[in-house]
C-alpha atoms as a PDB file:
ATOM      1  CA  UNK A   1     -67.994  28.742 -16.034  1.00  0.00           C
ATOM      2  CA  UNK A   2     -68.403  29.694 -19.602  1.00  0.00           C
ATOM      3  CA  UNK A   3     -67.974  32.757 -21.788  1.00  0.00           C
ATOM      4  CA  UNK A   4     -71.170  34.018 -23.489  1.00  0.00           C
ATOM      5  CA  UNK A   5     -70.844  36.301 -26.497  1.00  0.00           C
ATOM      6  CA  UNK A   6     -73.879  38.265 -27.792  1.00  0.00           C
ATOM      7  CA  UNK A   7     -73.940  40.458 -30.865  1.00  0.00           C
ATOM      8  CA  UNK A   8     -76.783  42.845 -31.810  1.00  0.00           C
ATOM      9  CA  UNK A   9     -77.231  45.974 -34.048  1.00  0.00           C
ATOM     10  CA  UNK A  10     -77.030  49.291 -32.128  1.00  0.00           C
ATOM     11  CA  UNK A  11     -80.857  49.610 -32.229  1.00  0.00           C
ATOM     12  CA  UNK A  12     -81.185  46.733 -29.704  1.00  0.00           C
ATOM     13  CA  UNK A  13     -78.331  48.010 -27.320  1.00  0.00           C
ATOM     14  CA  UNK A  14     -80.615  48.720 -24.486  1.00  0.00           C
ATOM     15  CA  UNK A  15     -82.786  45.609 -25.117  1.00  0.00           C
ATOM     16  CA  UNK A  16     -79.683  43.413 -24.794  1.00  0.00           C
ATOM     17  CA  UNK A  17     -78.717  44.968 -21.436  1.00  0.00           C
ATOM     18  CA  UNK A  18     -82.248  44.337 -20.181  1.00  0.00           C
ATOM     19  CA  UNK A  19     -81.989  40.751 -21.359  1.00  0.00           C
ATOM     20  CA  UNK A  20     -78.721  40.257 -19.447  1.00  0.00           C
ATOM     21  CA  UNK A  21     -80.170  41.656 -16.289  1.00  0.00           C
ATOM     22  CA  UNK A  22     -83.351  39.699 -16.585  1.00  0.00           C
ATOM     23  CA  UNK A  23     -81.267  36.553 -16.982  1.00  0.00           C
ATOM     24  CA  UNK A  24     -79.416  37.391 -13.793  1.00  0.00           C
ATOM     25  CA  UNK A  25     -76.175  38.187 -15.469  1.00  0.00           C
ATOM     26  CA  UNK A  26     -75.193  41.483 -13.609  1.00  0.00           C
ATOM     27  CA  UNK A  27     -71.442  41.451 -14.652  1.00  0.00           C
ATOM     28  CA  UNK A  28     -70.780  41.873 -18.394  1.00  0.00           C
ATOM     29  CA  UNK A  29     -68.838  44.018 -20.829  1.00  0.00           C
ATOM     30  CA  UNK A  30     -69.494  45.466 -24.131  1.00  0.00           C
ATOM     31  CA  UNK A  31     -67.643  46.701 -27.141  1.00  0.00           C
ATOM     32  CA  UNK A  32     -68.702  48.663 -30.242  1.00  0.00           C
ATOM     33  CA  UNK A  33     -68.178  46.749 -33.441  1.00  0.00           C
ATOM     34  CA  UNK A  34     -69.060  47.114 -37.172  1.00  0.00           C
ATOM     35  CA  UNK A  35     -71.101  44.331 -38.618  1.00  0.00           C
ATOM     36  CA  UNK A  36     -70.961  43.314 -42.217  1.00  0.00           C
ATOM     37  CA  UNK A  37     -73.105  41.178 -44.423  1.00  0.00           C
ATOM     38  CA  UNK A  38     -71.576  39.898 -47.673  1.00  0.00           C
ATOM     39  CA  UNK A  39     -74.687  39.836 -49.720  1.00  0.00           C
ATOM     40  CA  UNK A  40     -72.959  41.145 -52.864  1.00  0.00           C
ATOM     41  CA  UNK A  41     -76.164  41.515 -54.929  1.00  0.00           C
ATOM     42  CA  UNK A  42     -77.910  43.541 -52.289  1.00  0.00           C
ATOM     43  CA  UNK A  43     -74.783  45.789 -51.812  1.00  0.00           C
ATOM     44  CA  UNK A  44     -74.544  46.353 -55.570  1.00  0.00           C
ATOM     45  CA  UNK A  45     -78.170  47.359 -55.789  1.00  0.00           C
ATOM     46  CA  UNK A  46     -78.322  49.648 -52.772  1.00  0.00           C
ATOM     47  CA  UNK A  47     -74.841  51.180 -52.811  1.00  0.00           C
ATOM     48  CA  UNK A  48     -73.871  53.675 -55.511  1.00  0.00           C
ATOM     49  CA  UNK A  49     -70.295  52.626 -55.100  1.00  0.00           C
ATOM     50  CA  UNK A  50     -70.947  48.814 -55.460  1.00  0.00           C
ATOM     51  CA  UNK A  51     -67.401  47.725 -54.529  1.00  0.00           C
ATOM     52  CA  UNK A  52     -67.746  49.162 -51.122  1.00  0.00           C
ATOM     53  CA  UNK A  53     -69.190  47.066 -48.248  1.00  0.00           C
ATOM     54  CA  UNK A  54     -71.755  48.837 -46.073  1.00  0.00           C
ATOM     55  CA  UNK A  55     -71.529  48.134 -42.309  1.00  0.00           C
ATOM     56  CA  UNK A  56     -73.886  48.270 -39.555  1.00  0.00           C
ATOM     57  CA  UNK A  57     -73.047  49.682 -36.104  1.00  0.00           C
ATOM     58  CA  UNK A  58     -73.299  46.893 -33.705  1.00  0.00           C
ATOM     59  CA  UNK A  59     -72.311  45.951 -30.206  1.00  0.00           C
ATOM     60  CA  UNK A  60     -70.780  42.863 -28.773  1.00  0.00           C
ATOM     61  CA  UNK A  61     -71.484  41.909 -25.208  1.00  0.00           C
ATOM     62  CA  UNK A  62     -69.618  39.240 -23.235  1.00  0.00           C
ATOM     63  CA  UNK A  63     -69.654  37.748 -19.854  1.00  0.00           C
ATOM     64  CA  UNK A  64     -68.008  34.942 -17.941  1.00  0.00           C
ATOM     65  CA  UNK A  65     -70.960  33.302 -16.259  1.00  0.00           C
ATOM     66  CA  UNK A  66     -72.609  30.004 -15.208  1.00  0.00           C
ATOM     67  CA  UNK A  67     -74.742  27.740 -17.304  1.00  0.00           C
ATOM     68  CA  UNK A  68     -78.006  28.410 -15.518  1.00  0.00           C
ATOM     69  CA  UNK A  69     -77.785  32.134 -16.343  1.00  0.00           C
ATOM     70  CA  UNK A  70     -76.890  31.406 -19.947  1.00  0.00           C
ATOM     71  CA  UNK A  71     -79.826  29.003 -20.415  1.00  0.00           C
ATOM     72  CA  UNK A  72     -82.072  31.834 -19.172  1.00  0.00           C
ATOM     73  CA  UNK A  73     -80.427  34.388 -21.438  1.00  0.00           C
ATOM     74  CA  UNK A  74     -80.809  32.129 -24.515  1.00  0.00           C
ATOM     75  CA  UNK A  75     -84.560  31.577 -23.872  1.00  0.00           C
ATOM     76  CA  UNK A  76     -84.973  35.314 -23.585  1.00  0.00           C
ATOM     77  CA  UNK A  77     -83.110  35.928 -26.767  1.00  0.00           C
ATOM     78  CA  UNK A  78     -85.111  33.407 -28.618  1.00  0.00           C
ATOM     79  CA  UNK A  79     -88.341  34.943 -27.382  1.00  0.00           C
ATOM     80  CA  UNK A  80     -87.048  38.529 -28.326  1.00  0.00           C
ATOM     81  CA  UNK A  81     -86.009  37.266 -31.934  1.00  0.00           C
ATOM     82  CA  UNK A  82     -89.374  35.686 -32.457  1.00  0.00           C
ATOM     83  CA  UNK A  83     -91.011  39.080 -32.352  1.00  0.00           C
ATOM     84  CA  UNK A  84     -88.649  40.905 -34.577  1.00  0.00           C
ATOM     85  CA  UNK A  85     -89.776  42.815 -37.663  1.00  0.00           C
ATOM     86  CA  UNK A  86     -86.229  43.168 -38.974  1.00  0.00           C
ATOM     87  CA  UNK A  87     -83.542  40.784 -40.403  1.00  0.00           C
ATOM     88  CA  UNK A  88     -81.067  41.496 -37.663  1.00  0.00           C
ATOM     89  CA  UNK A  89     -81.653  39.041 -34.904  1.00  0.00           C
ATOM     90  CA  UNK A  90     -79.600  39.095 -31.655  1.00  0.00           C
ATOM     91  CA  UNK A  91     -77.092  36.357 -31.983  1.00  0.00           C
ATOM     92  CA  UNK A  92     -75.332  34.522 -29.085  1.00  0.00           C
ATOM     93  CA  UNK A  93     -72.741  31.806 -28.604  1.00  0.00           C
ATOM     94  CA  UNK A  94     -71.212  30.006 -25.726  1.00  0.00           C
ATOM     95  CA  UNK A  95     -67.424  29.195 -25.331  1.00  0.00           C
ATOM     96  CA  UNK A  96     -66.323  26.756 -22.688  1.00  0.00           C
ATOM     97  CA  UNK A  97     -63.552  28.044 -20.376  1.00  0.00           C
ATOM     98  CA  UNK A  98     -60.733  25.412 -20.035  1.00  0.00           C
ATOM     99  CA  UNK A  99     -58.631  27.530 -17.542  1.00  0.00           C
ATOM    100  CA  UNK A 100     -59.084  30.747 -15.726  1.00  0.00           C
ATOM    101  CA  UNK A 101     -57.117  32.708 -13.172  1.00  0.00           C
END
C-alpha cells in the first residue's frame, strides 16, 4: 500500500475525480488548498501591490491504495496533462507506507 497525493487547480476538480474513478481508486479524500508560484517578476508585473503573492484555489486529493491503481492513475494524468492549454498541470506523487494500522 502507498499514499498517492494529487494536486490540481480548482478548474480541474471534477476531472481529477473522474481520473481517480477511471483508475479504479474509489476511496479517496480531498482538501481545499491555496497554491502559490514564486515567480517574482510575473507577480510584480501583474499585481498592483507587487509585494503580495497571488494564490490559486487548488485541491489536494489523497488515497491509500495499491501500486496497480497508482500506475493507471499516473498514465491517465500524463495523458490529461499532454492535452492542456494552461500552465497548471495536475501533479502527483507517491509516498511509500512503512507502517499502518
